[in-house]
C-alpha atoms as a PDB file:
ATOM      1  CA  PHE A   1      82.851  36.093  96.971  1.00  0.00           C
ATOM      2  CA  PHE A   2      84.683  37.538  99.914  1.00  0.00           C
ATOM      3  CA  PHE A   3      83.824  40.816 101.579  1.00  0.00           C
ATOM      4  CA  ASN A   4      86.479  43.278 102.663  1.00  0.00           C
ATOM      5  CA  ASP A   5      84.628  44.759 105.592  1.00  0.00           C
ATOM      6  CA  THR A   6      82.910  43.262 108.591  1.00  0.00           C
ATOM      7  CA  ALA A   7      79.717  45.285 108.131  1.00  0.00           C
ATOM      8  CA  THR A   8      79.091  43.850 104.664  1.00  0.00           C
ATOM      9  CA  THR A   9      79.799  40.334 105.910  1.00  0.00           C
ATOM     10  CA  GLU A  10      77.401  40.805 108.838  1.00  0.00           C
ATOM     11  CA  ILE A  11      74.623  42.095 106.556  1.00  0.00           C
ATOM     12  CA  TYR A  12      75.074  39.171 104.164  1.00  0.00           C
ATOM     13  CA  THR A  13      75.145  36.666 107.008  1.00  0.00           C
ATOM     14  CA  GLU A  14      71.973  38.145 108.510  1.00  0.00           C
ATOM     15  CA  GLN A  15      70.243  37.857 105.137  1.00  0.00           C
ATOM     16  CA  ILE A  16      71.133  34.159 104.938  1.00  0.00           C
ATOM     17  CA  VAL A  17      70.089  33.551 108.536  1.00  0.00           C
ATOM     18  CA  GLY A  18      66.828  35.426 107.913  1.00  0.00           C
ATOM     19  CA  SER A  19      66.110  33.306 104.850  1.00  0.00           C
ATOM     20  CA  VAL A  20      66.798  30.080 106.727  1.00  0.00           C
ATOM     21  CA  ARG A  21      64.607  31.185 109.656  1.00  0.00           C
ATOM     22  CA  CYS A  22      61.796  32.163 107.299  1.00  0.00           C
ATOM     23  CA  VAL A  23      61.890  28.763 105.650  1.00  0.00           C
ATOM     24  CA  GLN A  24      62.002  26.995 109.002  1.00  0.00           C
ATOM     25  CA  GLU A  25      59.176  29.063 110.503  1.00  0.00           C
ATOM     26  CA  THR A  26      56.870  28.459 107.561  1.00  0.00           C
ATOM     27  CA  GLY A  27      57.493  24.731 107.639  1.00  0.00           C
ATOM     28  CA  ILE A  28      58.779  24.673 104.083  1.00  0.00           C
ATOM     29  CA  ASN A  29      61.999  23.053 105.224  1.00  0.00           C
ATOM     30  CA  ALA A  30      60.063  20.116 106.695  1.00  0.00           C
ATOM     31  CA  GLU A  31      58.138  19.820 103.444  1.00  0.00           C
ATOM     32  CA  TYR A  32      61.405  19.770 101.480  1.00  0.00           C
ATOM     33  CA  MET A  33      62.780  17.129 103.801  1.00  0.00           C
ATOM     34  CA  GLY A  34      59.743  14.960 103.170  1.00  0.00           C
ATOM     35  CA  MET A  35      60.223  15.330  99.433  1.00  0.00           C
ATOM     36  CA  ALA A  36      63.851  14.291  99.665  1.00  0.00           C
ATOM     37  CA  ASP A  37      63.002  11.244 101.776  1.00  0.00           C
ATOM     38  CA  ARG A  38      60.223  10.066  99.456  1.00  0.00           C
ATOM     39  CA  ARG A  39      62.236  10.220  96.247  1.00  0.00           C
ATOM     40  CA  ASP A  40      62.590   6.949  94.380  1.00  0.00           C
ATOM     41  CA  PRO A  41      65.884   6.609  92.490  1.00  0.00           C
ATOM     42  CA  SER A  42      64.303   4.569  89.671  1.00  0.00           C
ATOM     43  CA  ASN A  43      64.830   5.380  85.993  1.00  0.00           C
ATOM     44  CA  GLN A  44      61.278   6.660  85.744  1.00  0.00           C
ATOM     45  CA  ASP A  45      61.962   9.112  88.557  1.00  0.00           C
ATOM     46  CA  GLN A  46      65.158  10.239  86.817  1.00  0.00           C
ATOM     47  CA  ASN A  47      63.197  10.904  83.627  1.00  0.00           C
ATOM     48  CA  ASN A  48      60.651  12.891  85.619  1.00  0.00           C
ATOM     49  CA  LEU A  49      63.434  14.990  87.152  1.00  0.00           C
ATOM     50  CA  GLN A  50      64.693  15.831  83.670  1.00  0.00           C
ATOM     51  CA  GLN A  51      61.262  17.195  82.769  1.00  0.00           C
ATOM     52  CA  LEU A  52      60.867  19.469  85.792  1.00  0.00           C
ATOM     53  CA  PRO A  53      61.298  23.238  85.617  1.00  0.00           C
ATOM     54  CA  ILE A  54      64.631  24.375  87.053  1.00  0.00           C
ATOM     55  CA  ARG A  55      63.263  25.768  90.302  1.00  0.00           C
ATOM     56  CA  THR A  56      61.146  22.684  91.006  1.00  0.00           C
ATOM     57  CA  TYR A  57      64.101  20.423  90.241  1.00  0.00           C
ATOM     58  CA  LEU A  58      66.323  22.327  92.672  1.00  0.00           C
ATOM     59  CA  ASP A  59      63.573  22.462  95.315  1.00  0.00           C
ATOM     60  CA  GLN A  60      63.127  18.705  95.157  1.00  0.00           C
ATOM     61  CA  THR A  61      66.775  17.711  94.999  1.00  0.00           C
ATOM     62  CA  VAL A  62      69.258  20.253  96.376  1.00  0.00           C
ATOM     63  CA  VAL A  63      67.494  22.938  98.401  1.00  0.00           C
ATOM     64  CA  PRO A  64      66.533  20.824 101.458  1.00  0.00           C
ATOM     65  CA  LEU A  65      70.078  19.703 102.118  1.00  0.00           C
ATOM     66  CA  LEU A  66      71.561  23.072 101.189  1.00  0.00           C
ATOM     67  CA  LEU A  67      69.311  24.824 103.709  1.00  0.00           C
ATOM     68  CA  GLN A  68      70.469  22.433 106.416  1.00  0.00           C
ATOM     69  CA  ALA A  69      74.096  23.071 105.449  1.00  0.00           C
ATOM     70  CA  LEU A  70      73.654  26.852 105.532  1.00  0.00           C
ATOM     71  CA  SER A  71      71.878  26.655 108.866  1.00  0.00           C
ATOM     72  CA  GLU A  72      74.770  24.698 110.358  1.00  0.00           C
ATOM     73  CA  LEU A  73      77.259  27.042 108.691  1.00  0.00           C
ATOM     74  CA  VAL A  74      75.895  30.132 110.434  1.00  0.00           C
ATOM     75  CA  LYS A  75      75.892  28.301 113.769  1.00  0.00           C
ATOM     76  CA  GLU A  76      79.487  27.079 113.458  1.00  0.00           C
ATOM     77  CA  ARG A  77      81.041  29.980 111.481  1.00  0.00           C
ATOM     78  CA  PRO A  78      84.092  27.973 110.401  1.00  0.00           C
ATOM     79  CA  GLN A  79      87.268  29.546 108.977  1.00  0.00           C
ATOM     80  CA  ASN A  80      86.658  27.946 105.576  1.00  0.00           C
ATOM     81  CA  PRO A  81      82.892  28.138 104.967  1.00  0.00           C
ATOM     82  CA  VAL A  82      82.966  26.764 101.422  1.00  0.00           C
ATOM     83  CA  GLU A  83      84.839  23.662 102.515  1.00  0.00           C
ATOM     84  CA  TYR A  84      82.482  23.279 105.487  1.00  0.00           C
ATOM     85  CA  VAL A  85      79.382  23.379 103.255  1.00  0.00           C
ATOM     86  CA  ALA A  86      80.969  21.012 100.726  1.00  0.00           C
ATOM     87  CA  ASN A  87      81.817  18.494 103.447  1.00  0.00           C
ATOM     88  CA  TYR A  88      78.365  18.817 104.989  1.00  0.00           C
ATOM     89  CA  LEU A  89      76.698  18.133 101.652  1.00  0.00           C
ATOM     90  CA  LEU A  90      78.883  15.094 101.009  1.00  0.00           C
ATOM     91  CA  GLN A  91      78.388  13.665 104.506  1.00  0.00           C
ATOM     92  CA  HIS A  92      74.603  14.142 104.499  1.00  0.00           C
ATOM     93  CA  ASN A  93      73.851  13.256 100.871  1.00  0.00           C
ATOM     94  CA  PRO A  94      70.598  11.239 100.892  1.00  0.00           C
ATOM     95  CA  GLU A  95      71.543   9.537  97.613  1.00  0.00           C
ATOM     96  CA  THR A  96      74.689   8.105  99.205  1.00  0.00           C
ATOM     97  CA  ARG A  97      72.741   6.997 102.263  1.00  0.00           C
ATOM     98  CA  ASN A  98      70.122   5.292 100.075  1.00  0.00           C
ATOM     99  CA  ALA A  99      72.833   3.438  98.153  1.00  0.00           C
ATOM    100  CA  GLN A 100      74.572   2.340 101.371  1.00  0.00           C
ATOM    101  CA  GLY A 101      71.287   1.140 102.891  1.00  0.00           C
ATOM    102  CA  LYS A 102      70.592  -1.131  99.897  1.00  0.00           C
ATOM    103  CA  GLN A 103      73.930  -2.937 100.043  1.00  0.00           C
END
């Protein structure tokens, strides 16, 4: 989704920034981070993830890291934002870090 005018882009960007600030100010982001750090990658945990409602699943697995990525995105404002977010997610993936730490 690309916008043709600067005003629309600015409004959209401000909405994202506002959402990120709201989450940060309420401390939800810290709570999400704690959830991501406490996850156990065992089979039982995987089965539990399959049983979760969609929103809860996303909140416990993707949202914490995605919020960090979007926060960095609005600070940096790179030429290719999709590539920037994709790289950020890959570089900061807690599952990859957990696997590397166990080796």
